[in-house]
Amino acid sequence: MTTQELAYEVISRLKKEYPDADCTLDYDDAWKLLVSVRLAAQCTDARVNVVVQDLYAKYPDVAALAAAKPEDIEAIVRPAVLEKQGSGYQRLHADPPRTVPGQVPEDFNALLKLPGVGRKSANLIMGDVFGKPAIVTDTHCIRLSNRIGLVHDMKDPKKVEMALWKIIPPEEGNDLCHRLVNHGREVCTARTKPYCDRCCLNDICEKNGI
Protein backbone atom coordinates (compact mmCIF):
# COMPACT_ATOMS: atom_id res chain seq x y z
CA MET A 1 0.00 0.00 0.00
CA THR A 2 1.39 3.38 -1.01
CA THR A 3 1.22 6.34 1.36
CA GLN A 4 -1.56 7.86 -0.73
CA GLU A 5 -3.53 4.60 -0.70
CA LEU A 6 -3.05 4.51 3.06
CA ALA A 7 -4.36 8.06 3.32
CA TYR A 8 -7.51 7.20 1.35
CA GLU A 9 -8.13 4.16 3.54
CA VAL A 10 -7.64 6.19 6.72
CA ILE A 11 -10.09 8.80 5.46
CA SER A 12 -12.68 6.15 4.61
CA ARG A 13 -12.46 4.35 7.94
CA LEU A 14 -12.45 7.45 10.10
CA LYS A 15 -15.51 8.75 8.22
CA LYS A 16 -17.40 5.64 9.31
CA GLU A 17 -16.05 5.82 12.85
CA TYR A 18 -16.69 9.56 13.31
CA PRO A 19 -19.40 10.63 10.85
CA ASP A 20 -19.69 14.07 12.44
CA ALA A 21 -16.49 16.05 11.88
CA ASP A 22 -16.84 19.28 13.81
CA CYS A 23 -14.57 21.88 15.33
CA THR A 24 -14.26 21.39 19.09
CA LEU A 25 -14.30 25.15 19.68
CA ASP A 26 -17.78 26.65 20.08
CA TYR A 27 -18.51 29.71 17.94
CA ASP A 28 -21.33 31.34 16.01
CA ASP A 29 -19.31 34.00 14.22
CA ALA A 30 -15.94 34.03 12.47
CA TRP A 31 -14.42 36.63 14.80
CA LYS A 32 -15.31 34.51 17.82
CA LEU A 33 -13.46 31.53 16.36
CA LEU A 34 -10.50 33.83 15.77
CA VAL A 35 -10.50 34.79 19.46
CA SER A 36 -10.95 31.19 20.59
CA VAL A 37 -8.11 29.77 18.52
CA ARG A 38 -5.75 32.32 20.05
CA LEU A 39 -6.81 31.31 23.55
CA ALA A 40 -6.61 27.61 22.62
CA ALA A 41 -2.86 28.00 22.20
CA GLN A 42 -2.76 28.37 26.00
CA CYS A 43 -5.18 25.64 27.14
CA THR A 44 -7.65 22.96 26.10
CA ASP A 45 -10.54 23.65 23.75
CA ALA A 46 -13.00 22.58 26.46
CA ARG A 47 -11.62 25.18 28.83
CA VAL A 48 -11.74 27.88 26.15
CA ASN A 49 -15.42 27.10 25.49
CA VAL A 50 -16.20 27.79 29.14
CA VAL A 51 -14.14 30.98 29.45
CA VAL A 52 -15.43 32.68 26.30
CA GLN A 53 -19.01 32.48 27.50
CA ASP A 54 -18.25 35.20 30.04
CA LEU A 55 -16.10 37.10 27.54
CA TYR A 56 -18.87 37.31 24.93
CA ALA A 57 -21.55 38.04 27.52
CA LYS A 58 -19.64 41.19 28.45
CA TYR A 59 -18.35 42.01 24.96
CA PRO A 60 -20.95 40.75 22.47
CA ASP A 61 -19.42 42.23 19.34
CA VAL A 62 -16.08 43.25 17.83
CA ALA A 63 -16.54 46.93 18.65
CA ALA A 64 -17.16 46.21 22.33
CA LEU A 65 -14.17 43.88 22.51
CA ALA A 66 -11.89 46.38 20.77
CA ALA A 67 -12.91 49.11 23.22
CA ALA A 68 -12.29 46.95 26.28
CA LYS A 69 -9.36 47.52 28.58
CA PRO A 70 -6.73 44.77 28.25
CA GLU A 71 -6.77 44.19 32.01
CA ASP A 72 -10.53 43.62 31.95
CA ILE A 73 -10.16 40.98 29.23
CA GLU A 74 -7.29 39.36 31.09
CA ALA A 75 -9.40 39.08 34.24
CA ILE A 76 -11.94 37.02 32.29
CA VAL A 77 -9.58 34.81 30.30
CA ARG A 78 -7.01 34.29 33.05
CA PRO A 79 -8.51 30.91 34.10
CA ALA A 80 -7.81 29.61 30.61
CA VAL A 81 -4.31 31.00 30.36
CA LEU A 82 -3.30 29.82 33.81
CA GLU A 83 -3.99 26.27 32.74
CA LYS A 84 -0.51 26.55 31.25
CA GLN A 85 1.47 28.66 33.66
CA GLY A 86 4.15 31.24 32.98
CA SER A 87 5.05 32.19 29.45
CA GLY A 88 1.54 31.62 28.12
CA TYR A 89 0.13 34.32 30.36
CA GLN A 90 2.91 36.72 29.45
CA ARG A 91 2.17 36.27 25.74
CA LEU A 92 -1.48 37.02 26.29
CA HIS A 93 -0.68 39.98 28.52
CA ALA A 94 1.41 41.45 25.73
CA ASP A 95 -1.20 40.75 23.05
CA PRO A 96 -4.74 40.39 24.48
CA PRO A 97 -7.33 38.90 22.12
CA ARG A 98 -9.13 42.15 21.40
CA THR A 99 -7.48 43.07 18.11
CA VAL A 100 -9.83 41.13 15.84
CA PRO A 101 -11.29 42.47 12.57
CA GLY A 102 -15.01 42.97 12.15
CA GLN A 103 -14.72 41.19 8.81
CA VAL A 104 -12.45 38.14 9.03
CA PRO A 105 -10.58 37.85 5.71
CA GLU A 106 -11.37 34.91 3.46
CA ASP A 107 -7.74 34.65 2.42
CA PHE A 108 -5.09 32.45 4.00
CA ASN A 109 -2.20 34.91 3.67
CA ALA A 110 -4.34 37.78 4.97
CA LEU A 111 -5.24 35.68 8.02
CA LEU A 112 -1.56 35.07 8.72
CA LYS A 113 -1.03 38.82 9.01
CA LEU A 114 -3.48 39.09 11.90
CA PRO A 115 -2.06 39.23 15.46
CA GLY A 116 -1.66 35.81 17.03
CA VAL A 117 -2.68 33.84 13.92
CA GLY A 118 -0.37 31.12 12.63
CA ARG A 119 -0.81 28.47 9.96
CA LYS A 120 -2.81 26.13 12.20
CA SER A 121 -5.31 28.83 13.14
CA ALA A 122 -5.53 30.18 9.60
CA ASN A 123 -6.25 26.70 8.24
CA LEU A 124 -8.93 26.12 10.87
CA ILE A 125 -10.71 29.34 9.92
CA MET A 126 -10.38 28.67 6.19
CA GLY A 127 -11.84 25.19 6.59
CA ASP A 128 -14.51 25.69 9.24
CA VAL A 129 -15.70 29.21 8.52
CA PHE A 130 -15.27 29.43 4.76
CA GLY A 131 -15.42 25.76 3.73
CA LYS A 132 -12.12 26.00 1.86
CA PRO A 133 -9.45 23.26 1.62
CA ALA A 134 -7.49 23.17 4.87
CA ILE A 135 -5.19 20.96 6.90
CA VAL A 136 -4.94 21.82 10.58
CA THR A 137 -1.74 20.34 11.95
CA ASP A 138 -2.43 20.38 15.68
CA THR A 139 -0.75 17.99 18.12
CA HIS A 140 -3.23 15.17 17.40
CA CYS A 141 -2.79 15.46 13.64
CA ILE A 142 1.00 15.47 13.90
CA ARG A 143 1.18 12.58 16.37
CA LEU A 144 -1.32 10.33 14.61
CA SER A 145 0.00 11.07 11.12
CA ASN A 146 3.42 9.87 12.26
CA ARG A 147 2.04 6.89 14.11
CA ILE A 148 -0.21 5.69 11.31
CA GLY A 149 2.50 6.19 8.70
CA LEU A 150 1.12 9.09 6.69
CA VAL A 151 4.36 10.94 7.45
CA HIS A 152 7.61 9.74 8.97
CA ASP A 153 9.63 11.37 11.75
CA MET A 154 8.07 14.80 11.17
CA LYS A 155 7.31 17.05 14.11
CA ASP A 156 7.33 20.48 12.48
CA PRO A 157 3.68 21.52 11.85
CA LYS A 158 4.36 23.18 8.51
CA LYS A 159 6.36 20.21 7.20
CA VAL A 160 3.57 17.83 8.23
CA GLU A 161 1.00 20.09 6.59
CA MET A 162 2.96 20.24 3.33
CA ALA A 163 3.44 16.45 3.32
CA LEU A 164 -0.27 15.81 3.92
CA TRP A 165 -1.28 18.20 1.14
CA LYS A 166 0.48 15.81 -1.27
CA ILE A 167 -1.60 12.76 -0.29
CA ILE A 168 -4.91 14.09 1.06
CA PRO A 169 -7.63 15.26 -1.34
CA PRO A 170 -8.16 18.99 -0.71
CA GLU A 171 -11.85 18.55 0.09
CA GLU A 172 -11.07 15.94 2.75
CA GLY A 173 -8.30 17.69 4.69
CA ASN A 174 -10.31 19.75 7.15
CA ASP A 175 -12.69 16.96 8.18
CA LEU A 176 -9.86 14.44 8.41
CA CYS A 177 -8.02 16.65 10.88
CA HIS A 178 -11.14 16.95 13.05
CA ARG A 179 -11.53 13.18 12.98
CA LEU A 180 -7.89 12.70 13.94
CA VAL A 181 -8.58 14.87 17.00
CA ASN A 182 -11.52 12.65 17.94
CA HIS A 183 -9.50 9.50 17.36
CA GLY A 184 -6.54 10.84 19.30
CA ARG A 185 -8.71 11.64 22.30
CA GLU A 186 -10.81 8.50 22.31
CA VAL A 187 -8.60 5.68 21.01
CA CYS A 188 -5.05 6.57 19.98
CA THR A 189 -4.37 8.44 23.19
CA ALA A 190 -1.14 10.14 24.16
CA ARG A 191 -1.37 10.04 27.96
CA THR A 192 -2.06 6.31 28.08
CA LYS A 193 -1.08 3.40 25.89
CA PRO A 194 -3.19 3.57 22.69
CA TYR A 195 -6.21 1.25 22.64
CA CYS A 196 -5.07 -0.59 19.53
CA ASP A 197 -7.44 -3.50 20.21
CA ARG A 198 -10.44 -1.30 19.43
CA CYS A 199 -8.87 0.91 16.77
CA CYS A 200 -10.49 0.95 13.34
CA LEU A 201 -7.02 1.43 11.84
CA ASN A 202 -5.21 -1.31 13.74
CA ASP A 203 -4.47 -3.49 10.69
CA ILE A 204 -3.06 -0.64 8.61
CA CYS A 205 -1.34 1.42 11.32
CA GLU A 206 2.42 1.40 11.02
CA LYS A 207 2.96 1.42 14.79
CA ASN A 208 0.09 -0.80 15.88
CA GLY A 209 0.82 -2.10 19.37
CA ILE A 210 4.01 -0.07 19.81
C-alpha atoms as a PDB file:
ATOM      1  CA  MET A   1       0.000   0.000   0.000  1.00  0.00           C
ATOM      2  CA  THR A   2       1.395   3.377  -1.007  1.00  0.00           C
ATOM      3  CA  THR A   3       1.219   6.335   1.356  1.00  0.00           C
ATOM      4  CA  GLN A   4      -1.564   7.862  -0.733  1.00  0.00           C
ATOM      5  CA  GLU A   5      -3.527   4.602  -0.704  1.00  0.00           C
ATOM      6  CA  LEU A   6      -3.052   4.512   3.060  1.00  0.00           C
ATOM      7  CA  ALA A   7      -4.362   8.065   3.319  1.00  0.00           C
ATOM      8  CA  TYR A   8      -7.514   7.198   1.349  1.00  0.00           C
ATOM      9  CA  GLU A   9      -8.133   4.155   3.536  1.00  0.00           C
ATOM     10  CA  VAL A  10      -7.636   6.187   6.722  1.00  0.00           C
ATOM     11  CA  ILE A  11     -10.092   8.800   5.458  1.00  0.00           C
ATOM     12  CA  SER A  12     -12.679   6.147   4.607  1.00  0.00           C
ATOM     13  CA  ARG A  13     -12.458   4.347   7.937  1.00  0.00           C
ATOM     14  CA  LEU A  14     -12.451   7.452  10.095  1.00  0.00           C
ATOM     15  CA  LYS A  15     -15.509   8.749   8.220  1.00  0.00           C
ATOM     16  CA  LYS A  16     -17.396   5.638   9.307  1.00  0.00           C
ATOM     17  CA  GLU A  17     -16.051   5.820  12.850  1.00  0.00           C
ATOM     18  CA  TYR A  18     -16.687   9.563  13.310  1.00  0.00           C
ATOM     19  CA  PRO A  19     -19.398  10.633  10.849  1.00  0.00           C
ATOM     20  CA  ASP A  20     -19.690  14.072  12.440  1.00  0.00           C
ATOM     21  CA  ALA A  21     -16.494  16.052  11.875  1.00  0.00           C
ATOM     22  CA  ASP A  22     -16.836  19.279  13.815  1.00  0.00           C
ATOM     23  CA  CYS A  23     -14.565  21.882  15.328  1.00  0.00           C
ATOM     24  CA  THR A  24     -14.263  21.386  19.090  1.00  0.00           C
ATOM     25  CA  LEU A  25     -14.300  25.149  19.677  1.00  0.00           C
ATOM     26  CA  ASP A  26     -17.776  26.652  20.079  1.00  0.00           C
ATOM     27  CA  TYR A  27     -18.511  29.714  17.944  1.00  0.00           C
ATOM     28  CA  ASP A  28     -21.331  31.342  16.007  1.00  0.00           C
ATOM     29  CA  ASP A  29     -19.305  34.002  14.217  1.00  0.00           C
ATOM     30  CA  ALA A  30     -15.939  34.035  12.470  1.00  0.00           C
ATOM     31  CA  TRP A  31     -14.415  36.635  14.800  1.00  0.00           C
ATOM     32  CA  LYS A  32     -15.308  34.506  17.816  1.00  0.00           C
ATOM     33  CA  LEU A  33     -13.462  31.533  16.365  1.00  0.00           C
ATOM     34  CA  LEU A  34     -10.505  33.828  15.766  1.00  0.00           C
ATOM     35  CA  VAL A  35     -10.496  34.788  19.455  1.00  0.00           C
ATOM     36  CA  SER A  36     -10.948  31.188  20.592  1.00  0.00           C
ATOM     37  CA  VAL A  37      -8.109  29.773  18.516  1.00  0.00           C
ATOM     38  CA  ARG A  38      -5.748  32.322  20.055  1.00  0.00           C
ATOM     39  CA  LEU A  39      -6.810  31.306  23.546  1.00  0.00           C
ATOM     40  CA  ALA A  40      -6.610  27.615  22.617  1.00  0.00           C
ATOM     41  CA  ALA A  41      -2.859  27.995  22.197  1.00  0.00           C
ATOM     42  CA  GLN A  42      -2.763  28.370  25.997  1.00  0.00           C
ATOM     43  CA  CYS A  43      -5.176  25.636  27.137  1.00  0.00           C
ATOM     44  CA  THR A  44      -7.650  22.960  26.103  1.00  0.00           C
ATOM     45  CA  ASP A  45     -10.543  23.651  23.755  1.00  0.00           C
ATOM     46  CA  ALA A  46     -13.000  22.581  26.462  1.00  0.00           C
ATOM     47  CA  ARG A  47     -11.616  25.184  28.833  1.00  0.00           C
ATOM     48  CA  VAL A  48     -11.743  27.879  26.155  1.00  0.00           C
ATOM     49  CA  ASN A  49     -15.418  27.104  25.490  1.00  0.00           C
ATOM     50  CA  VAL A  50     -16.198  27.787  29.143  1.00  0.00           C
ATOM     51  CA  VAL A  51     -14.141  30.976  29.450  1.00  0.00           C
ATOM     52  CA  VAL A  52     -15.426  32.675  26.298  1.00  0.00           C
ATOM     53  CA  GLN A  53     -19.011  32.476  27.498  1.00  0.00           C
ATOM     54  CA  ASP A  54     -18.250  35.197  30.044  1.00  0.00           C
ATOM     55  CA  LEU A  55     -16.105  37.095  27.542  1.00  0.00           C
ATOM     56  CA  TYR A  56     -18.871  37.312  24.931  1.00  0.00           C
ATOM     57  CA  ALA A  57     -21.546  38.040  27.517  1.00  0.00           C
ATOM     58  CA  LYS A  58     -19.642  41.195  28.450  1.00  0.00           C
ATOM     59  CA  TYR A  59     -18.347  42.008  24.959  1.00  0.00           C
ATOM     60  CA  PRO A  60     -20.953  40.750  22.468  1.00  0.00           C
ATOM     61  CA  ASP A  61     -19.420  42.235  19.335  1.00  0.00           C
ATOM     62  CA  VAL A  62     -16.083  43.249  17.829  1.00  0.00           C
ATOM     63  CA  ALA A  63     -16.538  46.930  18.652  1.00  0.00           C
ATOM     64  CA  ALA A  64     -17.162  46.210  22.331  1.00  0.00           C
ATOM     65  CA  LEU A  65     -14.165  43.876  22.510  1.00  0.00           C
ATOM     66  CA  ALA A  66     -11.892  46.379  20.772  1.00  0.00           C
ATOM     67  CA  ALA A  67     -12.907  49.110  23.221  1.00  0.00           C
ATOM     68  CA  ALA A  68     -12.290  46.947  26.276  1.00  0.00           C
ATOM     69  CA  LYS A  69      -9.358  47.516  28.583  1.00  0.00           C
ATOM     70  CA  PRO A  70      -6.730  44.766  28.249  1.00  0.00           C
ATOM     71  CA  GLU A  71      -6.768  44.187  32.013  1.00  0.00           C
ATOM     72  CA  ASP A  72     -10.534  43.615  31.951  1.00  0.00           C
ATOM     73  CA  ILE A  73     -10.160  40.983  29.230  1.00  0.00           C
ATOM     74  CA  GLU A  74      -7.292  39.365  31.094  1.00  0.00           C
ATOM     75  CA  ALA A  75      -9.401  39.080  34.237  1.00  0.00           C
ATOM     76  CA  ILE A  76     -11.935  37.019  32.291  1.00  0.00           C
ATOM     77  CA  VAL A  77      -9.582  34.805  30.305  1.00  0.00           C
ATOM     78  CA  ARG A  78      -7.006  34.290  33.047  1.00  0.00           C
ATOM     79  CA  PRO A  79      -8.506  30.906  34.100  1.00  0.00           C
ATOM     80  CA  ALA A  80      -7.810  29.609  30.610  1.00  0.00           C
ATOM     81  CA  VAL A  81      -4.307  30.997  30.363  1.00  0.00           C
ATOM     82  CA  LEU A  82      -3.297  29.823  33.815  1.00  0.00           C
ATOM     83  CA  GLU A  83      -3.992  26.265  32.738  1.00  0.00           C
ATOM     84  CA  LYS A  84      -0.509  26.554  31.252  1.00  0.00           C
ATOM     85  CA  GLN A  85       1.468  28.661  33.665  1.00  0.00           C
ATOM     86  CA  GLY A  86       4.145  31.237  32.983  1.00  0.00           C
ATOM     87  CA  SER A  87       5.051  32.190  29.445  1.00  0.00           C
ATOM     88  CA  GLY A  88       1.541  31.619  28.122  1.00  0.00           C
ATOM     89  CA  TYR A  89       0.133  34.318  30.360  1.00  0.00           C
ATOM     90  CA  GLN A  90       2.907  36.721  29.450  1.00  0.00           C
ATOM     91  CA  ARG A  91       2.173  36.272  25.744  1.00  0.00           C
ATOM     92  CA  LEU A  92      -1.479  37.016  26.291  1.00  0.00           C
ATOM     93  CA  HIS A  93      -0.684  39.977  28.521  1.00  0.00           C
ATOM     94  CA  ALA A  94       1.414  41.451  25.731  1.00  0.00           C
ATOM     95  CA  ASP A  95      -1.199  40.753  23.052  1.00  0.00           C
ATOM     96  CA  PRO A  96      -4.739  40.389  24.482  1.00  0.00           C
ATOM     97  CA  PRO A  97      -7.333  38.895  22.116  1.00  0.00           C
ATOM     98  CA  ARG A  98      -9.134  42.150  21.399  1.00  0.00           C
ATOM     99  CA  THR A  99      -7.484  43.074  18.105  1.00  0.00           C
ATOM    100  CA  VAL A 100      -9.827  41.133  15.835  1.00  0.00           C
ATOM    101  CA  PRO A 101     -11.289  42.468  12.567  1.00  0.00           C
ATOM    102  CA  GLY A 102     -15.011  42.968  12.147  1.00  0.00           C
ATOM    103  CA  GLN A 103     -14.716  41.186   8.812  1.00  0.00           C
ATOM    104  CA  VAL A 104     -12.454  38.141   9.032  1.00  0.00           C
ATOM    105  CA  PRO A 105     -10.582  37.847   5.709  1.00  0.00           C
ATOM    106  CA  GLU A 106     -11.371  34.911   3.456  1.00  0.00           C
ATOM    107  CA  ASP A 107      -7.736  34.649   2.420  1.00  0.00           C
ATOM    108  CA  PHE A 108      -5.085  32.453   4.003  1.00  0.00           C
ATOM    109  CA  ASN A 109      -2.203  34.911   3.674  1.00  0.00           C
ATOM    110  CA  ALA A 110      -4.343  37.781   4.974  1.00  0.00           C
ATOM    111  CA  LEU A 111      -5.239  35.683   8.022  1.00  0.00           C
ATOM    112  CA  LEU A 112      -1.557  35.065   8.716  1.00  0.00           C
ATOM    113  CA  LYS A 113      -1.032  38.817   9.009  1.00  0.00           C
ATOM    114  CA  LEU A 114      -3.484  39.089  11.898  1.00  0.00           C
ATOM    115  CA  PRO A 115      -2.060  39.225  15.461  1.00  0.00           C
ATOM    116  CA  GLY A 116      -1.662  35.810  17.029  1.00  0.00           C
ATOM    117  CA  VAL A 117      -2.680  33.836  13.922  1.00  0.00           C
ATOM    118  CA  GLY A 118      -0.368  31.116  12.628  1.00  0.00           C
ATOM    119  CA  ARG A 119      -0.809  28.466   9.960  1.00  0.00           C
ATOM    120  CA  LYS A 120      -2.808  26.132  12.195  1.00  0.00           C
ATOM    121  CA  SER A 121      -5.313  28.832  13.141  1.00  0.00           C
ATOM    122  CA  ALA A 122      -5.531  30.181   9.595  1.00  0.00           C
ATOM    123  CA  ASN A 123      -6.254  26.702   8.239  1.00  0.00           C
ATOM    124  CA  LEU A 124      -8.927  26.118  10.867  1.00  0.00           C
ATOM    125  CA  ILE A 125     -10.707  29.342   9.924  1.00  0.00           C
ATOM    126  CA  MET A 126     -10.381  28.673   6.193  1.00  0.00           C
ATOM    127  CA  GLY A 127     -11.838  25.187   6.590  1.00  0.00           C
ATOM    128  CA  ASP A 128     -14.505  25.686   9.243  1.00  0.00           C
ATOM    129  CA  VAL A 129     -15.700  29.214   8.518  1.00  0.00           C
ATOM    130  CA  PHE A 130     -15.275  29.427   4.763  1.00  0.00           C
ATOM    131  CA  GLY A 131     -15.417  25.762   3.729  1.00  0.00           C
ATOM    132  CA  LYS A 132     -12.122  25.995   1.858  1.00  0.00           C
ATOM    133  CA  PRO A 133      -9.447  23.263   1.625  1.00  0.00           C
ATOM    134  CA  ALA A 134      -7.494  23.170   4.869  1.00  0.00           C
ATOM    135  CA  ILE A 135      -5.188  20.959   6.897  1.00  0.00           C
ATOM    136  CA  VAL A 136      -4.945  21.817  10.585  1.00  0.00           C
ATOM    137  CA  THR A 137      -1.737  20.341  11.954  1.00  0.00           C
ATOM    138  CA  ASP A 138      -2.431  20.377  15.679  1.00  0.00           C
ATOM    139  CA  THR A 139      -0.750  17.986  18.116  1.00  0.00           C
ATOM    140  CA  HIS A 140      -3.226  15.170  17.401  1.00  0.00           C
ATOM    141  CA  CYS A 141      -2.789  15.457  13.643  1.00  0.00           C
ATOM    142  CA  ILE A 142       0.998  15.471  13.898  1.00  0.00           C
ATOM    143  CA  ARG A 143       1.177  12.583  16.374  1.00  0.00           C
ATOM    144  CA  LEU A 144      -1.318  10.330  14.606  1.00  0.00           C
ATOM    145  CA  SER A 145       0.000  11.066  11.117  1.00  0.00           C
ATOM    146  CA  ASN A 146       3.421   9.871  12.257  1.00  0.00           C
ATOM    147  CA  ARG A 147       2.038   6.893  14.112  1.00  0.00           C
ATOM    148  CA  ILE A 148      -0.208   5.686  11.313  1.00  0.00           C
ATOM    149  CA  GLY A 149       2.499   6.189   8.695  1.00  0.00           C
ATOM    150  CA  LEU A 150       1.123   9.093   6.691  1.00  0.00           C
ATOM    151  CA  VAL A 151       4.360  10.936   7.446  1.00  0.00           C
ATOM    152  CA  HIS A 152       7.610   9.743   8.972  1.00  0.00           C
ATOM    153  CA  ASP A 153       9.634  11.375  11.751  1.00  0.00           C
ATOM    154  CA  MET A 154       8.066  14.795  11.166  1.00  0.00           C
ATOM    155  CA  LYS A 155       7.311  17.051  14.107  1.00  0.00           C
ATOM    156  CA  ASP A 156       7.325  20.477  12.476  1.00  0.00           C
ATOM    157  CA  PRO A 157       3.680  21.521  11.854  1.00  0.00           C
ATOM    158  CA  LYS A 158       4.361  23.181   8.509  1.00  0.00           C
ATOM    159  CA  LYS A 159       6.358  20.207   7.200  1.00  0.00           C
ATOM    160  CA  VAL A 160       3.574  17.828   8.228  1.00  0.00           C
ATOM    161  CA  GLU A 161       1.003  20.091   6.587  1.00  0.00           C
ATOM    162  CA  MET A 162       2.965  20.236   3.328  1.00  0.00           C
ATOM    163  CA  ALA A 163       3.441  16.451   3.325  1.00  0.00           C
ATOM    164  CA  LEU A 164      -0.266  15.813   3.917  1.00  0.00           C
ATOM    165  CA  TRP A 165      -1.278  18.204   1.136  1.00  0.00           C
ATOM    166  CA  LYS A 166       0.479  15.810  -1.267  1.00  0.00           C
ATOM    167  CA  ILE A 167      -1.595  12.762  -0.286  1.00  0.00           C
ATOM    168  CA  ILE A 168      -4.906  14.090   1.063  1.00  0.00           C
ATOM    169  CA  PRO A 169      -7.629  15.259  -1.344  1.00  0.00           C
ATOM    170  CA  PRO A 170      -8.163  18.993  -0.713  1.00  0.00           C
ATOM    171  CA  GLU A 171     -11.848  18.553   0.086  1.00  0.00           C
ATOM    172  CA  GLU A 172     -11.069  15.940   2.747  1.00  0.00           C
ATOM    173  CA  GLY A 173      -8.301  17.691   4.688  1.00  0.00           C
ATOM    174  CA  ASN A 174     -10.313  19.750   7.152  1.00  0.00           C
ATOM    175  CA  ASP A 175     -12.695  16.963   8.182  1.00  0.00           C
ATOM    176  CA  LEU A 176      -9.860  14.442   8.407  1.00  0.00           C
ATOM    177  CA  CYS A 177      -8.021  16.649  10.885  1.00  0.00           C
ATOM    178  CA  HIS A 178     -11.144  16.955  13.048  1.00  0.00           C
ATOM    179  CA  ARG A 179     -11.530  13.181  12.982  1.00  0.00           C
ATOM    180  CA  LEU A 180      -7.890  12.700  13.942  1.00  0.00           C
ATOM    181  CA  VAL A 181      -8.577  14.875  16.996  1.00  0.00           C
ATOM    182  CA  ASN A 182     -11.519  12.651  17.938  1.00  0.00           C
ATOM    183  CA  HIS A 183      -9.502   9.498  17.360  1.00  0.00           C
ATOM    184  CA  GLY A 184      -6.539  10.844  19.302  1.00  0.00           C
ATOM    185  CA  ARG A 185      -8.709  11.637  22.296  1.00  0.00           C
ATOM    186  CA  GLU A 186     -10.808   8.497  22.314  1.00  0.00           C
ATOM    187  CA  VAL A 187      -8.599   5.684  21.009  1.00  0.00           C
ATOM    188  CA  CYS A 188      -5.054   6.568  19.983  1.00  0.00           C
ATOM    189  CA  THR A 189      -4.373   8.441  23.193  1.00  0.00           C
ATOM    190  CA  ALA A 190      -1.138  10.136  24.163  1.00  0.00           C
ATOM    191  CA  ARG A 191      -1.372  10.041  27.958  1.00  0.00           C
ATOM    192  CA  THR A 192      -2.057   6.307  28.084  1.00  0.00           C
ATOM    193  CA  LYS A 193      -1.079   3.404  25.886  1.00  0.00           C
ATOM    194  CA  PRO A 194      -3.193   3.571  22.691  1.00  0.00           C
ATOM    195  CA  TYR A 195      -6.207   1.255  22.637  1.00  0.00           C
ATOM    196  CA  CYS A 196      -5.070  -0.594  19.535  1.00  0.00           C
ATOM    197  CA  ASP A 197      -7.439  -3.500  20.208  1.00  0.00           C
ATOM    198  CA  ARG A 198     -10.437  -1.300  19.426  1.00  0.00           C
ATOM    199  CA  CYS A 199      -8.873   0.908  16.773  1.00  0.00           C
ATOM    200  CA  CYS A 200     -10.495   0.950  13.340  1.00  0.00           C
ATOM    201  CA  LEU A 201      -7.024   1.433  11.841  1.00  0.00           C
ATOM    202  CA  ASN A 202      -5.214  -1.310  13.739  1.00  0.00           C
ATOM    203  CA  ASP A 203      -4.474  -3.491  10.695  1.00  0.00           C
ATOM    204  CA  ILE A 204      -3.056  -0.645   8.614  1.00  0.00           C
ATOM    205  CA  CYS A 205      -1.343   1.423  11.324  1.00  0.00           C
ATOM    206  CA  GLU A 206       2.424   1.399  11.023  1.00  0.00           C
ATOM    207  CA  LYS A 207       2.965   1.422  14.792  1.00  0.00           C
ATOM    208  CA  ASN A 208       0.089  -0.796  15.875  1.00  0.00           C
ATOM    209  CA  GLY A 209       0.825  -2.096  19.367  1.00  0.00           C
ATOM    210  CA  ILE A 210       4.012  -0.072  19.806  1.00  0.00           C
END
